[in-house]
Each structure stands twice: as structure tokens, then as C-alpha cells.
């Protein structure tokens, strides 16, 4: 087993070389937001979808578009609106009068990276069409089923401050996103750099430094990264502590949690931590990897109670207490 770990470690060190170059290319366009970029790459390698939450103007769209350009991937942006129909995403059958037959016109979901902008502005039937494609990785148009690209990633955004005219995602649907990333405002120095860069010449175009095939190979290697039994136990302890706080020295948190994380959180923690280890150039997972991706995996899966809302306690506060209390192996 030790030899196997050494082999994986060596392969990861070689194969992950493109990650640093990819980060540099994105940084040539995007100022700051290093954590967001790192988490997007983690999701890309872990084959999981991302929910981005942040106020408008924080370069969410530009970041995703830049990342797609840097990996030579197909990119499509869908602006979710109340009048959107499922066929606007998936595609539809168009009748050709000359040939007297229906032909398939594929929708924007048939891309490598799909930005679902303001997903909570579309009605439930449209959200369901998107989330079904995310889960099943194929789309049915008419009587035919069409597979989505092997590298397929949905990055959905929602605005946390303007809720009028929105259709919030049900918790069961939110659970299908591997990560929920909170996008924060830049620092003063970063804002100055943004000002100088945006008020000058045109933005630099990112070079293509990777391909979808390379990402697919990296995913396969990432899934083989070694994760010790003690780390697996640590993941399970963290997830079970959200369901039964009293049994994990978190009795004071019991009345604050209405529902804990689902088994999807356990799987997502393992997959995301492996991808994060790959990005770090390691062939094995450490507790620090779990701590790095843990808040993004858990923050949308812990449903706080009415008592927590009354006390202004958020899932972020609970997660912080969770990692402070659960013993690290």
C-alpha cells in the first residue's frame, strides 16, 4: 500500500503541473477572488456542480468565462428569468417542412461549462429541468436521450440581497450542488487594481493552457488519491455531528439545527478533499484538506432552526463550532 501511495503521489505531482499555470492565466484577467477560483477548480476536478452566492459585480461571470477559455472548453451562459421554459435550456424538436420531419435543436446545456445566472429567478419547472440534467448527465428531447459532454459543470449564481420576484431553490435541489461558494468583495488594494485594469485598455485574453481531455484525465487520477481510514472516520464524524450534535460534544448546538447534512455531504467531502489535494500536488488527503473544503460542502446542507434564526445564528457559525469541537485525527 505504501508503494501505491508513493506512485500516486508521483503521478499527481507530474499531472497537476497545469494547475499552477491555469491559476496564473485566470489571475491575468481576474483580480483577487483566489479562493473562488481554487474552489471552482476543485469542483471541476471532483466532477461536482457549484452554487455561487454573492452580490452583483464580483466577477462571477467573468471568472467562469475566463476559466472556460483557459481550458479550451465550450461555455454557455443562461440568464434565468420568470418567463424561461425548460426547452430554452434543454433544446426542442423543430419541424422541417422541406423534409417533413422533426429535427433536434440542442439547447445551451450541451456545453462543458454552463453558467446559470440568477437561478432563483426562474420557476420551479425550469430549475428542475436543469437539476435533472445535472444529476442524470443526459437530456431527453422527444423520444431520444442525448448524453451531455463528459466534462459538464453547472455553475449557478444567486443574489442574496434581492429576493423579490424569486423562486428559492428547495433544500433537496440545493443539496445536489457539491459546493456553495460565498463570493466576497475585494480588498482596497485589489479594488485599486481593478479600477486601473478596467479603465485602461482591453482585458488580456487568457491563453489556452489545458484541454477538457486533460481535465478528464486529472479527474480520473484525482479519484485514486489515497484517503486514510482515519480521515474517512473524521469525515463521517463531522457529518454525523450535524445530525446528532449531543452525541458529539455539541449539545448546545442541538436546538440550532433543524436538519443535518445528508449522505451526499459525506461523498462530497471525500471527493472535494481529493480534488483539493490534487490541486495542492499531493497524492493523499490530509485533515487540512477537509477543513479547507468543509465549509463550502456543508454550508448549504445544514438547515438552521427557527431558534437559530431568532438568535442570528447561521450555518457558518455552526460549521465553525463543528470544526473546533470534532477531534482531528
Protein backbone atom coordinates (compact mmCIF):
# COMPACT_ATOMS: atom_id res chain seq x y z
CA UNK A 1 0.00 0.00 0.00
CA UNK A 2 2.88 2.37 0.83
CA UNK A 3 4.32 1.85 -2.66
CA UNK A 4 0.89 2.59 -4.13
CA UNK A 5 0.73 5.90 -2.25
CA UNK A 6 4.19 6.82 -3.48
CA UNK A 7 3.21 6.06 -7.07
CA UNK A 8 0.01 8.12 -6.80
CA UNK A 9 1.94 10.96 -5.18
CA UNK A 10 4.46 10.95 -8.03
CA UNK A 11 1.75 10.86 -10.71
CA UNK A 12 -0.19 13.68 -9.05
CA UNK A 13 2.94 15.84 -8.79
CA UNK A 14 3.50 15.38 -12.54
CA UNK A 15 -0.12 15.66 -13.73
CA UNK A 16 -1.06 18.62 -11.52
CA UNK A 17 1.61 20.88 -13.07
CA UNK A 18 -1.01 22.51 -15.31
CA UNK A 19 -2.99 23.72 -12.26
CA UNK A 20 -0.49 26.48 -11.36
CA UNK A 21 -0.41 27.64 -14.98
CA UNK A 22 -4.19 27.66 -15.13
CA UNK A 23 -4.36 29.77 -11.96
CA UNK A 24 -1.88 32.26 -13.45
CA UNK A 25 -3.91 32.62 -16.65
CA UNK A 26 -7.10 33.30 -14.71
CA UNK A 27 -5.24 35.78 -12.46
CA UNK A 28 -4.14 37.72 -15.58
CA UNK A 29 -7.78 38.65 -16.04
CA UNK A 30 -9.37 38.33 -12.59
CA UNK A 31 -8.09 40.42 -9.70
CA UNK A 32 -8.29 38.67 -6.34
CA UNK A 33 -11.01 36.03 -5.82
CA UNK A 34 -8.25 33.41 -5.43
CA UNK A 35 -10.40 31.28 -3.16
CA UNK A 36 -13.32 31.31 -5.59
CA UNK A 37 -11.02 30.26 -8.46
CA UNK A 38 -9.50 27.49 -6.34
CA UNK A 39 -12.93 26.17 -5.34
CA UNK A 40 -14.14 26.25 -8.95
CA UNK A 41 -11.14 24.17 -9.97
CA UNK A 42 -11.83 21.81 -7.05
CA UNK A 43 -15.40 21.30 -8.28
CA UNK A 44 -14.15 20.83 -11.83
CA UNK A 45 -11.79 18.04 -10.77
CA UNK A 46 -14.30 16.49 -8.35
CA UNK A 47 -17.00 16.46 -11.06
CA UNK A 48 -19.42 18.39 -8.87
CA UNK A 49 -21.60 21.41 -9.52
CA UNK A 50 -21.29 24.78 -7.78
CA UNK A 51 -23.72 27.32 -6.35
CA UNK A 52 -22.19 30.81 -6.18
CA UNK A 53 -23.75 33.37 -3.86
CA UNK A 54 -22.67 37.00 -3.95
CA UNK A 55 -23.85 40.49 -4.75
CA UNK A 56 -23.67 41.65 -8.39
CA UNK A 57 -20.37 42.94 -9.77
CA UNK A 58 -17.96 40.49 -8.12
CA UNK A 59 -16.71 38.99 -11.42
CA UNK A 60 -18.58 35.69 -11.07
CA UNK A 61 -19.47 35.55 -14.77
CA UNK A 62 -16.08 36.83 -15.93
CA UNK A 63 -14.25 34.27 -13.78
CA UNK A 64 -16.18 31.34 -15.20
CA UNK A 65 -15.85 32.63 -18.77
CA UNK A 66 -12.09 33.11 -18.28
CA UNK A 67 -11.71 29.62 -16.83
CA UNK A 68 -13.57 28.14 -19.81
CA UNK A 69 -11.30 29.97 -22.24
CA UNK A 70 -8.16 28.82 -20.42
CA UNK A 71 -9.16 25.15 -20.72
CA UNK A 72 -10.49 25.39 -24.29
CA UNK A 73 -13.96 24.40 -23.14
CA UNK A 74 -17.38 25.22 -24.56
CA UNK A 75 -19.11 27.86 -22.43
CA UNK A 76 -22.72 28.96 -22.34
CA UNK A 77 -24.46 31.49 -20.14
CA UNK A 78 -28.16 31.25 -19.40
CA UNK A 79 -29.90 34.24 -17.85
CA UNK A 80 -32.71 32.80 -15.75
CA UNK A 81 -35.92 34.83 -15.93
CA UNK A 82 -39.54 34.18 -14.85
CA UNK A 83 -40.66 33.53 -18.46
CA UNK A 84 -37.96 30.92 -19.20
CA UNK A 85 -39.14 27.48 -20.35
CA UNK A 86 -37.41 24.09 -19.86
CA UNK A 87 -36.95 23.80 -23.64
CA UNK A 88 -34.91 27.02 -23.56
CA UNK A 89 -32.31 25.02 -21.62
CA UNK A 90 -32.55 21.51 -22.98
CA UNK A 91 -33.50 22.16 -26.59
CA UNK A 92 -36.51 21.12 -28.63
CA UNK A 93 -37.75 19.50 -31.84
CA UNK A 94 -38.07 21.80 -34.85
CA UNK A 95 -40.25 20.78 -37.80
CA UNK A 96 -38.53 20.97 -41.18
CA UNK A 97 -41.30 21.45 -43.82
CA UNK A 98 -38.98 20.63 -46.74
CA UNK A 99 -38.10 17.21 -45.40
CA UNK A 100 -41.38 16.79 -43.49
CA UNK A 101 -39.62 15.69 -40.32
CA UNK A 102 -38.65 16.98 -36.92
CA UNK A 103 -35.02 17.82 -36.21
CA UNK A 104 -33.37 18.27 -32.85
CA UNK A 105 -32.10 21.68 -31.87
CA UNK A 106 -29.94 21.24 -28.79
CA UNK A 107 -30.09 23.87 -26.06
CA UNK A 108 -27.31 25.67 -24.20
CA UNK A 109 -26.96 22.86 -21.64
CA UNK A 110 -24.93 20.93 -24.22
CA UNK A 111 -21.73 22.71 -23.19
CA UNK A 112 -18.76 21.95 -20.95
CA UNK A 113 -19.27 24.87 -18.54
CA UNK A 114 -22.77 26.26 -18.05
CA UNK A 115 -23.39 29.45 -16.10
CA UNK A 116 -26.94 29.52 -14.75
CA UNK A 117 -27.15 33.20 -13.85
CA UNK A 118 -29.63 34.06 -11.08
CA UNK A 119 -31.07 30.55 -10.98
CA UNK A 120 -33.65 31.56 -8.38
CA UNK A 121 -35.39 33.91 -10.85
CA UNK A 122 -36.83 31.05 -12.91
CA UNK A 123 -39.88 28.97 -11.92
CA UNK A 124 -39.55 25.51 -10.39
CA UNK A 125 -40.12 23.55 -13.63
CA UNK A 126 -37.08 25.25 -15.24
CA UNK A 127 -34.92 24.69 -12.17
CA UNK A 128 -36.00 21.04 -12.19
CA UNK A 129 -35.00 20.64 -15.85
CA UNK A 130 -31.54 21.98 -15.04
CA UNK A 131 -31.10 19.92 -11.89
CA UNK A 132 -32.25 16.75 -13.67
CA UNK A 133 -29.57 17.29 -16.32
CA UNK A 134 -27.01 17.87 -13.54
CA UNK A 135 -27.94 14.60 -11.83
CA UNK A 136 -28.56 12.30 -14.80
CA UNK A 137 -25.92 13.77 -17.14
CA UNK A 138 -28.23 13.37 -20.12
CA UNK A 139 -31.23 15.13 -21.66
CA UNK A 140 -34.33 13.68 -23.31
CA UNK A 141 -35.73 15.56 -26.31
CA UNK A 142 -38.78 13.93 -27.85
CA UNK A 143 -38.21 10.17 -27.74
CA UNK A 144 -34.41 10.36 -27.84
CA UNK A 145 -31.94 10.68 -24.97
CA UNK A 146 -28.72 12.58 -25.59
CA UNK A 147 -25.66 12.37 -23.30
CA UNK A 148 -24.11 15.59 -22.06
CA UNK A 149 -20.38 16.21 -22.58
CA UNK A 150 -18.07 14.13 -20.37
CA UNK A 151 -16.77 17.35 -18.83
CA UNK A 152 -20.01 19.02 -17.78
CA UNK A 153 -20.18 21.52 -14.94
CA UNK A 154 -23.02 23.79 -13.88
CA UNK A 155 -22.18 26.96 -12.00
CA UNK A 156 -25.33 28.61 -10.73
CA UNK A 157 -25.44 32.07 -9.19
CA UNK A 158 -27.99 33.64 -6.90
CA UNK A 159 -28.26 37.12 -5.47
CA UNK A 160 -28.55 37.11 -1.65
CA UNK A 161 -29.86 40.66 -1.28
CA UNK A 162 -32.72 40.98 -3.77
CA UNK A 163 -35.35 38.33 -3.13
CA UNK A 164 -38.40 39.99 -4.68
CA UNK A 165 -39.65 38.04 -7.69
CA UNK A 166 -37.52 34.99 -6.97
CA UNK A 167 -38.29 31.29 -6.65
CA UNK A 168 -35.89 30.00 -3.97
CA UNK A 169 -34.47 26.54 -4.61
CA UNK A 170 -35.92 23.80 -2.39
CA UNK A 171 -33.41 22.27 0.01
CA UNK A 172 -33.49 18.92 -1.84
CA UNK A 173 -32.37 20.70 -5.01
CA UNK A 174 -29.72 22.80 -3.29
CA UNK A 175 -28.28 19.55 -1.91
CA UNK A 176 -27.36 18.50 -5.47
CA UNK A 177 -24.69 21.18 -5.62
CA UNK A 178 -21.38 19.85 -4.35
CA UNK A 179 -20.16 23.27 -3.18
CA UNK A 180 -21.78 26.53 -2.21
CA UNK A 181 -19.26 29.34 -2.52
CA UNK A 182 -19.70 32.69 -0.81
CA UNK A 183 -18.16 35.34 -3.10
CA UNK A 184 -16.82 38.30 -1.11
CA UNK A 185 -15.85 41.84 -2.04
CA UNK A 186 -12.22 42.64 -2.95
CA UNK A 187 -9.77 44.40 -0.65
CA UNK A 188 -8.85 48.09 -1.13
CA UNK A 189 -5.65 47.18 -2.96
CA UNK A 190 -7.48 44.71 -5.21
CA UNK A 191 -10.17 47.32 -5.91
CA UNK A 192 -7.48 49.80 -6.99
CA UNK A 193 -6.00 47.18 -9.34
CA UNK A 194 -9.48 46.50 -10.74
CA UNK A 195 -10.00 50.24 -11.29
CA UNK A 196 -6.69 50.61 -13.13
CA UNK A 197 -7.17 47.47 -15.19
CA UNK A 198 -10.78 48.13 -16.18
CA UNK A 199 -10.28 51.81 -17.01
CA UNK A 200 -7.36 51.10 -19.32
CA UNK A 201 -7.02 49.04 -22.45
CA UNK A 202 -9.00 45.88 -23.24
CA UNK A 203 -8.67 42.97 -20.85
CA UNK A 204 -5.96 40.44 -21.74
CA UNK A 205 -7.29 37.27 -23.35
CA UNK A 206 -6.33 34.13 -21.41
CA UNK A 207 -4.17 31.58 -23.22
CA UNK A 208 -5.37 28.00 -23.56
CA UNK A 209 -3.22 26.09 -21.13
CA UNK A 210 -5.35 22.96 -20.69
CA UNK A 211 -7.98 20.93 -22.52
CA UNK A 212 -11.19 19.15 -21.46
CA UNK A 213 -9.39 15.84 -22.11
CA UNK A 214 -6.65 16.87 -19.69
CA UNK A 215 -9.25 17.77 -17.07
CA UNK A 216 -10.89 14.35 -17.57
CA UNK A 217 -7.55 12.58 -17.03
CA UNK A 218 -6.93 14.70 -13.94
CA UNK A 219 -10.37 13.70 -12.62
CA UNK A 220 -9.56 10.02 -13.02
CA UNK A 221 -6.26 10.44 -11.18
CA UNK A 222 -7.88 12.61 -8.52
CA UNK A 223 -10.39 9.84 -7.75
CA UNK A 224 -7.45 7.49 -6.98
CA UNK A 225 -5.89 9.80 -4.39
CA UNK A 226 -5.31 7.97 -1.13
CA UNK A 227 -7.61 8.72 1.77
CA UNK A 228 -6.74 7.06 5.08
CA UNK A 229 -9.31 5.26 7.24
CA UNK A 230 -8.77 7.86 9.99
CA UNK A 231 -9.62 10.64 7.52
CA UNK A 232 -12.74 8.74 6.44
CA UNK A 233 -13.77 8.45 10.09
CA UNK A 234 -13.15 12.20 10.52
CA UNK A 235 -15.48 12.96 7.58
CA UNK A 236 -18.20 10.71 9.00
CA UNK A 237 -17.85 12.25 12.47
CA UNK A 238 -18.26 15.75 11.00
CA UNK A 239 -21.40 14.82 9.06
CA UNK A 240 -22.97 12.83 11.91
CA UNK A 241 -22.30 15.71 14.31
CA UNK A 242 -24.68 17.84 12.23
CA UNK A 243 -27.42 15.22 12.70
CA UNK A 244 -26.83 14.36 16.36
CA UNK A 245 -24.89 17.23 17.98
CA UNK A 246 -25.45 15.99 21.54
CA UNK A 247 -23.59 12.73 20.84
CA UNK A 248 -20.57 14.66 19.57
CA UNK A 249 -20.00 17.15 22.43
CA UNK A 250 -22.15 19.74 20.66
CA UNK A 251 -25.25 19.57 22.82
CA UNK A 252 -25.53 23.37 22.91
CA UNK A 253 -25.99 23.35 19.12
CA UNK A 254 -28.84 20.81 19.13
CA UNK A 255 -31.68 23.35 19.20
CA UNK A 256 -29.99 25.38 16.45
CA UNK A 257 -30.03 22.65 13.78
CA UNK A 258 -33.34 21.65 12.21
CA UNK A 259 -31.82 19.19 9.73
CA UNK A 260 -28.25 17.96 9.40
CA UNK A 261 -26.23 17.11 6.31
CA UNK A 262 -27.29 14.24 4.05
CA UNK A 263 -25.10 11.31 2.89
CA UNK A 264 -24.36 13.41 -0.20
CA UNK A 265 -22.29 15.62 2.11
CA UNK A 266 -20.14 12.63 3.12
CA UNK A 267 -19.49 11.74 -0.53
CA UNK A 268 -18.91 15.38 -1.49
CA UNK A 269 -16.43 15.92 1.37
CA UNK A 270 -14.37 12.93 0.24
CA UNK A 271 -14.44 13.85 -3.46
CA UNK A 272 -13.75 17.55 -2.91
CA UNK A 273 -10.91 16.88 -0.47
CA UNK A 274 -9.28 14.54 -3.02
CA UNK A 275 -9.56 17.21 -5.71
CA UNK A 276 -8.13 19.82 -3.33
CA UNK A 277 -5.21 17.50 -2.57
CA UNK A 278 -4.62 17.13 -6.33
CA UNK A 279 -4.57 20.92 -6.75
CA UNK A 280 -2.02 21.03 -3.92
CA UNK A 281 0.12 18.47 -5.79
CA UNK A 282 -0.37 15.68 -3.23
CA UNK A 283 -1.46 12.08 -3.71
CA UNK A 284 -3.08 11.80 -0.28
CA UNK A 285 -5.74 13.67 1.73
CA UNK A 286 -4.93 15.47 4.99
CA UNK A 287 -7.26 16.87 7.67
CA UNK A 288 -6.36 20.36 6.39
CA UNK A 289 -7.93 19.47 3.04
CA UNK A 290 -11.16 18.57 4.83
CA UNK A 291 -11.08 21.86 6.75
CA UNK A 292 -10.45 23.82 3.54
CA UNK A 293 -13.42 22.45 1.57
CA UNK A 294 -15.66 21.55 4.53
CA UNK A 295 -17.46 24.90 4.90
CA UNK A 296 -18.27 25.01 1.16
CA UNK A 297 -19.63 21.46 1.26
CA UNK A 298 -21.68 21.89 4.45
CA UNK A 299 -22.96 25.48 4.50
CA UNK A 300 -25.99 24.77 2.27
CA UNK A 301 -26.69 21.36 3.78
CA UNK A 302 -27.19 22.41 7.40
CA UNK A 303 -30.70 23.78 7.87
CA UNK A 304 -30.89 26.05 10.89
CA UNK A 305 -33.93 26.11 13.18
CA UNK A 306 -36.26 28.99 13.95
CA UNK A 307 -34.46 29.38 17.27
CA UNK A 308 -31.16 29.85 15.43
CA UNK A 309 -32.70 32.49 13.16
CA UNK A 310 -34.09 34.29 16.22
CA UNK A 311 -30.60 34.27 17.77
CA UNK A 312 -28.95 35.36 14.46
CA UNK A 313 -27.01 32.09 14.29
CA UNK A 314 -26.14 30.95 10.76
CA UNK A 315 -24.91 27.66 9.35
CA UNK A 316 -21.48 29.33 9.13
CA UNK A 317 -21.40 29.73 12.93
CA UNK A 318 -22.41 26.10 13.42
CA UNK A 319 -19.76 24.85 10.98
CA UNK A 320 -17.07 26.87 12.75
CA UNK A 321 -18.06 25.32 16.09
CA UNK A 322 -18.16 21.91 14.44
CA UNK A 323 -14.56 22.08 13.25
CA UNK A 324 -13.40 23.49 16.57
CA UNK A 325 -15.00 20.61 18.52
CA UNK A 326 -14.58 17.44 16.44
CA UNK A 327 -11.20 15.91 17.17
CA UNK A 328 -8.74 15.95 14.27
CA UNK A 329 -7.06 12.57 13.60
